[in-house]
């Protein structure tokens, strides 16, 4: 994931928020990335889902957007 710095940053933010200490995950983000732990893979999956959700939101008009009446 070194080639996608935004996705990596999002995965790190999710990882750090979900696994803030050794009580939650045995490794910090960098080690988890190196060993491809389940915690890391879950954070990457969440980052990919967030990317899709944000992209879909940008493409789709808001349900609550003001409607212009002619």
Protein backbone atom coordinates (compact mmCIF):
# COMPACT_ATOMS: atom_id res chain seq x y z
CA UNK A 1 0.00 0.00 0.00
CA UNK A 2 3.07 2.22 -0.15
CA UNK A 3 1.91 3.62 -3.50
CA UNK A 4 -1.38 5.00 -2.08
CA UNK A 5 -0.40 7.37 0.70
CA UNK A 6 -3.94 8.64 1.31
CA UNK A 7 -5.31 5.13 1.74
CA UNK A 8 -2.42 4.23 4.04
CA UNK A 9 -3.03 7.35 6.14
CA UNK A 10 -6.72 6.50 6.39
CA UNK A 11 -5.91 2.91 7.40
CA UNK A 12 -3.48 4.19 10.03
CA UNK A 13 -6.09 6.59 11.44
CA UNK A 14 -8.67 3.81 11.62
CA UNK A 15 -6.15 1.40 13.14
CA UNK A 16 -5.08 3.91 15.78
CA UNK A 17 -8.69 4.77 16.65
CA UNK A 18 -9.81 1.15 16.88
CA UNK A 19 -6.69 -0.31 18.47
CA UNK A 20 -5.29 2.46 20.69
CA UNK A 21 -3.12 0.27 22.94
CA UNK A 22 -1.53 -3.14 23.33
CA UNK A 23 -4.68 -4.23 25.14
CA UNK A 24 -6.49 -4.02 21.79
CA UNK A 25 -3.79 -5.13 19.36
CA UNK A 26 -0.33 -6.60 19.94
CA UNK A 27 1.44 -4.32 17.44
CA UNK A 28 1.57 -0.69 16.39
CA UNK A 29 0.47 0.15 12.86
CA UNK A 30 3.89 -0.16 11.20
CA UNK A 31 4.54 -3.63 12.64
CA UNK A 32 0.98 -4.73 11.92
CA UNK A 33 1.45 -3.60 8.33
CA UNK A 34 4.72 -5.50 8.01
CA UNK A 35 3.18 -8.71 9.42
CA UNK A 36 -0.19 -8.17 7.68
CA UNK A 37 -2.09 -8.86 10.92
CA UNK A 38 -5.85 -9.26 11.01
CA UNK A 39 -6.07 -5.88 12.74
CA UNK A 40 -4.17 -4.26 9.88
CA UNK A 41 -6.30 -5.99 7.24
CA UNK A 42 -9.46 -4.85 9.01
CA UNK A 43 -8.22 -1.25 9.09
CA UNK A 44 -7.37 -1.37 5.38
CA UNK A 45 -10.79 -2.83 4.62
CA UNK A 46 -12.45 -0.05 6.59
CA UNK A 47 -10.37 2.56 4.76
CA UNK A 48 -11.42 1.11 1.41
CA UNK A 49 -15.08 1.15 2.47
CA UNK A 50 -14.74 4.74 3.65
CA UNK A 51 -13.17 5.73 0.34
CA UNK A 52 -16.06 4.19 -1.58
CA UNK A 53 -18.62 5.83 0.69
CA UNK A 54 -17.00 9.24 0.34
CA UNK A 55 -16.67 8.85 -3.42
CA UNK A 56 -20.31 7.75 -3.77
CA UNK A 57 -21.43 10.71 -1.66
CA UNK A 58 -19.50 13.13 -3.87
CA UNK A 59 -21.08 11.70 -7.02
CA UNK A 60 -24.66 11.36 -5.74
CA UNK A 61 -26.76 14.47 -5.16
CA UNK A 62 -27.85 15.00 -1.60
CA UNK A 63 -31.37 13.92 -0.72
CA UNK A 64 -31.72 17.11 1.26
CA UNK A 65 -30.28 19.51 -1.30
CA UNK A 66 -32.43 22.49 -2.09
CA UNK A 67 -34.54 21.94 -5.14
CA UNK A 68 -34.88 24.77 -7.64
CA UNK A 69 -38.41 25.24 -8.91
CA UNK A 70 -38.89 26.96 -12.25
